[in-house]
């Protein structure tokens, strides 16, 4: 499994807030499947950070595409990088 860090920028808060319950439920399901380690918005609610654990970039693409935020086009991905952790 590989870890990926994805940083989001919220781009349309009015529409995003309507989709947020479905987005959060989707994140909970990914966490239960072991595909999402951590996720949460910045304190100022301008974006979010998500840490995925998936097989490869193709699976990451699939996971992001299935997120309710994606078809609504209410976020922009500003960072997407594979991440190597050293602790723990």
N, C-alpha and C. Protein backbone atom coordinates (compact mmCIF):
# COMPACT_ATOMS: atom_id res chain seq x y z
N UNK A 1 0.84 -1.18 0.00
CA UNK A 1 0.00 0.00 0.00
C UNK A 1 0.89 1.25 0.00
N UNK A 2 0.38 2.28 -0.62
CA UNK A 2 1.11 3.55 -0.69
C UNK A 2 0.27 4.65 -0.05
N UNK A 3 0.96 5.60 0.58
CA UNK A 3 0.27 6.74 1.17
C UNK A 3 0.36 7.93 0.24
N UNK A 4 -0.74 8.64 0.16
CA UNK A 4 -0.80 9.87 -0.63
C UNK A 4 -1.41 10.96 0.22
N UNK A 5 -0.83 12.14 0.12
CA UNK A 5 -1.36 13.33 0.77
C UNK A 5 -2.06 14.15 -0.31
N UNK A 6 -3.28 14.56 -0.02
CA UNK A 6 -4.05 15.38 -0.94
C UNK A 6 -4.53 16.61 -0.18
N UNK A 7 -4.20 17.77 -0.70
CA UNK A 7 -4.64 19.02 -0.10
C UNK A 7 -5.69 19.64 -1.02
N UNK A 8 -6.82 20.00 -0.43
CA UNK A 8 -7.92 20.59 -1.19
C UNK A 8 -8.05 22.08 -0.87
N UNK A 9 -8.50 22.81 -1.85
CA UNK A 9 -8.90 24.20 -1.69
C UNK A 9 -10.39 24.25 -2.00
N UNK A 10 -11.19 24.78 -1.07
CA UNK A 10 -12.62 24.89 -1.31
C UNK A 10 -12.88 26.06 -2.25
N UNK A 11 -13.67 25.82 -3.30
CA UNK A 11 -13.84 26.83 -4.34
C UNK A 11 -15.26 27.38 -4.44
N UNK A 12 -16.24 26.67 -3.96
CA UNK A 12 -17.63 27.13 -4.04
C UNK A 12 -18.34 26.70 -2.77
N UNK A 13 -18.22 27.52 -1.72
CA UNK A 13 -18.73 27.10 -0.41
C UNK A 13 -20.22 26.88 -0.37
N UNK A 14 -20.99 27.67 -1.08
CA UNK A 14 -22.44 27.50 -1.04
C UNK A 14 -22.84 26.12 -1.55
N UNK A 15 -22.33 25.75 -2.71
CA UNK A 15 -22.63 24.42 -3.27
C UNK A 15 -21.95 23.33 -2.47
N UNK A 16 -20.72 23.58 -2.00
CA UNK A 16 -19.97 22.56 -1.25
C UNK A 16 -20.71 22.17 0.02
N UNK A 17 -21.24 23.15 0.73
CA UNK A 17 -21.92 22.86 1.98
C UNK A 17 -23.16 21.99 1.77
N UNK A 18 -23.78 22.07 0.61
CA UNK A 18 -24.93 21.22 0.31
C UNK A 18 -24.50 19.77 0.11
N UNK A 19 -23.30 19.58 -0.39
CA UNK A 19 -22.78 18.24 -0.69
C UNK A 19 -21.99 17.66 0.48
N UNK A 20 -21.62 18.50 1.43
CA UNK A 20 -20.73 18.07 2.52
C UNK A 20 -21.22 16.84 3.28
N UNK A 21 -22.50 16.69 3.63
CA UNK A 21 -22.90 15.46 4.34
C UNK A 21 -22.57 14.19 3.56
N UNK A 22 -22.81 14.19 2.26
CA UNK A 22 -22.49 13.01 1.44
C UNK A 22 -20.99 12.79 1.36
N UNK A 23 -20.24 13.89 1.25
CA UNK A 23 -18.77 13.82 1.22
C UNK A 23 -18.25 13.19 2.51
N UNK A 24 -18.75 13.66 3.64
CA UNK A 24 -18.26 13.13 4.93
C UNK A 24 -18.64 11.67 5.13
N UNK A 25 -19.80 11.28 4.68
CA UNK A 25 -20.20 9.88 4.77
C UNK A 25 -19.29 9.02 3.89
N UNK A 26 -18.95 9.52 2.72
CA UNK A 26 -18.03 8.82 1.84
C UNK A 26 -16.67 8.66 2.50
N UNK A 27 -16.17 9.72 3.14
CA UNK A 27 -14.89 9.63 3.84
C UNK A 27 -14.94 8.60 4.95
N UNK A 28 -16.05 8.57 5.70
CA UNK A 28 -16.18 7.55 6.77
C UNK A 28 -16.10 6.14 6.18
N UNK A 29 -16.75 5.93 5.03
CA UNK A 29 -16.72 4.59 4.43
C UNK A 29 -15.31 4.24 3.96
N UNK A 30 -14.58 5.22 3.42
CA UNK A 30 -13.19 4.96 3.03
C UNK A 30 -12.33 4.61 4.24
N UNK A 31 -12.56 5.31 5.35
CA UNK A 31 -11.80 5.04 6.57
C UNK A 31 -12.08 3.61 7.05
N UNK A 32 -13.34 3.22 7.02
CA UNK A 32 -13.70 1.86 7.45
C UNK A 32 -13.06 0.80 6.56
N UNK A 33 -12.84 1.14 5.30
CA UNK A 33 -12.21 0.20 4.36
C UNK A 33 -10.68 0.23 4.46
N UNK A 34 -10.13 1.15 5.25
CA UNK A 34 -8.69 1.26 5.39
C UNK A 34 -8.03 2.05 4.28
N UNK A 35 -8.82 2.79 3.48
CA UNK A 35 -8.27 3.56 2.36
C UNK A 35 -8.01 5.02 2.72
N UNK A 36 -8.51 5.47 3.85
CA UNK A 36 -8.32 6.85 4.29
C UNK A 36 -7.86 6.82 5.74
N UNK A 37 -6.67 7.37 5.98
CA UNK A 37 -6.14 7.37 7.35
C UNK A 37 -6.64 8.55 8.15
N UNK A 38 -6.52 9.73 7.58
CA UNK A 38 -6.91 10.97 8.27
C UNK A 38 -7.51 11.93 7.26
N UNK A 39 -8.41 12.78 7.74
CA UNK A 39 -8.97 13.82 6.88
C UNK A 39 -9.58 14.89 7.76
N UNK A 40 -9.50 16.12 7.28
CA UNK A 40 -10.15 17.19 8.00
C UNK A 40 -9.87 18.54 7.37
N UNK A 41 -10.77 19.50 7.65
CA UNK A 41 -10.62 20.83 7.08
C UNK A 41 -9.64 21.67 7.89
N UNK A 42 -9.09 22.70 7.22
CA UNK A 42 -8.31 23.69 7.94
C UNK A 42 -9.24 24.43 8.90
N UNK A 43 -8.69 24.96 9.97
CA UNK A 43 -9.48 25.68 10.97
C UNK A 43 -10.24 26.85 10.33
N UNK A 44 -9.64 27.50 9.33
CA UNK A 44 -10.31 28.64 8.69
C UNK A 44 -11.30 28.20 7.59
N UNK A 45 -11.47 26.90 7.40
CA UNK A 45 -12.43 26.32 6.46
C UNK A 45 -12.20 26.76 5.01
N UNK A 46 -10.93 26.93 4.64
CA UNK A 46 -10.60 27.28 3.26
C UNK A 46 -10.22 26.06 2.43
N UNK A 47 -10.02 24.93 3.08
CA UNK A 47 -9.61 23.72 2.39
C UNK A 47 -9.47 22.59 3.39
N UNK A 48 -8.82 21.52 2.95
CA UNK A 48 -8.70 20.33 3.79
C UNK A 48 -7.47 19.54 3.40
N UNK A 49 -7.08 18.64 4.30
CA UNK A 49 -5.97 17.73 4.07
C UNK A 49 -6.48 16.31 4.27
N UNK A 50 -6.13 15.43 3.34
CA UNK A 50 -6.55 14.03 3.41
C UNK A 50 -5.34 13.14 3.20
N UNK A 51 -5.24 12.07 3.96
CA UNK A 51 -4.15 11.11 3.81
C UNK A 51 -4.77 9.76 3.48
N UNK A 52 -4.51 9.34 2.25
CA UNK A 52 -5.06 8.09 1.74
C UNK A 52 -4.01 7.00 1.81
N UNK A 53 -4.46 5.76 1.95
CA UNK A 53 -3.59 4.59 1.85
C UNK A 53 -4.24 3.66 0.84
N UNK A 54 -3.68 3.64 -0.36
CA UNK A 54 -4.25 2.88 -1.47
C UNK A 54 -3.14 2.12 -2.19
N UNK A 55 -3.54 1.26 -3.10
CA UNK A 55 -2.56 0.41 -3.80
C UNK A 55 -1.64 1.22 -4.70
N UNK A 56 -2.21 2.20 -5.40
CA UNK A 56 -1.41 2.95 -6.38
C UNK A 56 -2.17 4.22 -6.80
N UNK A 57 -1.58 4.97 -7.73
CA UNK A 57 -2.21 6.21 -8.17
C UNK A 57 -3.53 5.96 -8.89
N UNK A 58 -3.65 4.84 -9.57
CA UNK A 58 -4.92 4.52 -10.24
C UNK A 58 -6.05 4.38 -9.23
N UNK A 59 -5.78 3.71 -8.13
CA UNK A 59 -6.81 3.58 -7.10
C UNK A 59 -7.11 4.94 -6.47
N UNK A 60 -6.08 5.75 -6.28
CA UNK A 60 -6.31 7.09 -5.75
C UNK A 60 -7.22 7.88 -6.69
N UNK A 61 -6.97 7.79 -7.99
CA UNK A 61 -7.83 8.46 -8.97
C UNK A 61 -9.28 8.01 -8.83
N UNK A 62 -9.48 6.71 -8.66
CA UNK A 62 -10.83 6.17 -8.52
C UNK A 62 -11.51 6.68 -7.25
N UNK A 63 -10.75 6.70 -6.16
CA UNK A 63 -11.29 7.16 -4.88
C UNK A 63 -11.69 8.63 -4.96
N UNK A 64 -10.84 9.44 -5.56
CA UNK A 64 -11.13 10.87 -5.68
C UNK A 64 -12.31 11.09 -6.63
N UNK A 65 -12.37 10.35 -7.71
CA UNK A 65 -13.47 10.50 -8.67
C UNK A 65 -14.82 10.16 -8.05
N UNK A 66 -14.83 9.22 -7.10
CA UNK A 66 -16.08 8.79 -6.47
C UNK A 66 -16.51 9.71 -5.32
N UNK A 67 -15.66 10.63 -4.91
CA UNK A 67 -15.99 11.57 -3.84
C UNK A 67 -17.10 12.50 -4.32
N UNK A 68 -18.17 12.68 -3.57
CA UNK A 68 -19.25 13.57 -3.99
C UNK A 68 -18.81 14.99 -4.32
N UNK A 69 -17.71 15.45 -3.77
CA UNK A 69 -17.21 16.79 -4.11
C UNK A 69 -16.74 16.88 -5.57
N UNK A 70 -16.22 15.78 -6.10
CA UNK A 70 -15.60 15.83 -7.43
C UNK A 70 -16.58 16.18 -8.54
N UNK A 71 -17.71 15.48 -8.70
CA UNK A 71 -18.61 15.85 -9.80
C UNK A 71 -19.26 17.22 -9.60
N UNK A 72 -19.33 17.68 -8.36
CA UNK A 72 -19.90 19.00 -8.09
C UNK A 72 -18.91 20.12 -8.36
N UNK A 73 -17.64 19.76 -8.53
CA UNK A 73 -16.59 20.74 -8.85
C UNK A 73 -16.53 21.87 -7.81
N UNK A 74 -16.49 21.47 -6.53
CA UNK A 74 -16.49 22.46 -5.44
C UNK A 74 -15.16 22.52 -4.71
N UNK A 75 -14.17 21.77 -5.18
CA UNK A 75 -12.83 21.80 -4.60
C UNK A 75 -11.80 21.75 -5.72
N UNK A 76 -10.62 22.24 -5.39
CA UNK A 76 -9.48 22.15 -6.30
C UNK A 76 -8.38 21.40 -5.57
N UNK A 77 -7.74 20.47 -6.23
CA UNK A 77 -6.61 19.77 -5.63
C UNK A 77 -5.38 20.63 -5.84
N UNK A 78 -4.80 21.11 -4.74
CA UNK A 78 -3.63 21.97 -4.83
C UNK A 78 -2.34 21.20 -4.54
N UNK A 79 -2.46 20.03 -3.93
CA UNK A 79 -1.30 19.18 -3.67
C UNK A 79 -1.76 17.74 -3.71
N UNK A 80 -0.98 16.93 -4.40
CA UNK A 80 -1.25 15.49 -4.48
C UNK A 80 0.11 14.83 -4.62
N UNK A 81 0.57 14.20 -3.54
CA UNK A 81 1.91 13.61 -3.55
C UNK A 81 1.91 12.29 -2.79
N UNK A 82 2.73 11.38 -3.31
CA UNK A 82 2.97 10.17 -2.55
C UNK A 82 3.85 10.54 -1.37
N UNK A 83 3.59 9.91 -0.22
CA UNK A 83 4.25 10.30 1.01
C UNK A 83 4.86 9.08 1.67
N UNK A 84 6.11 9.20 2.07
CA UNK A 84 6.79 8.15 2.82
C UNK A 84 6.86 8.60 4.27
N UNK A 85 6.28 7.83 5.15
CA UNK A 85 6.33 8.18 6.57
C UNK A 85 7.51 7.45 7.23
N UNK A 86 8.07 8.10 8.24
CA UNK A 86 9.16 7.46 8.98
C UNK A 86 8.79 7.27 10.45
N UNK A 87 7.75 7.94 10.92
CA UNK A 87 7.27 7.77 12.30
C UNK A 87 5.76 7.71 12.26
N UNK A 88 5.10 6.80 12.82
CA UNK A 88 5.54 5.45 13.15
C UNK A 88 5.66 4.61 11.92
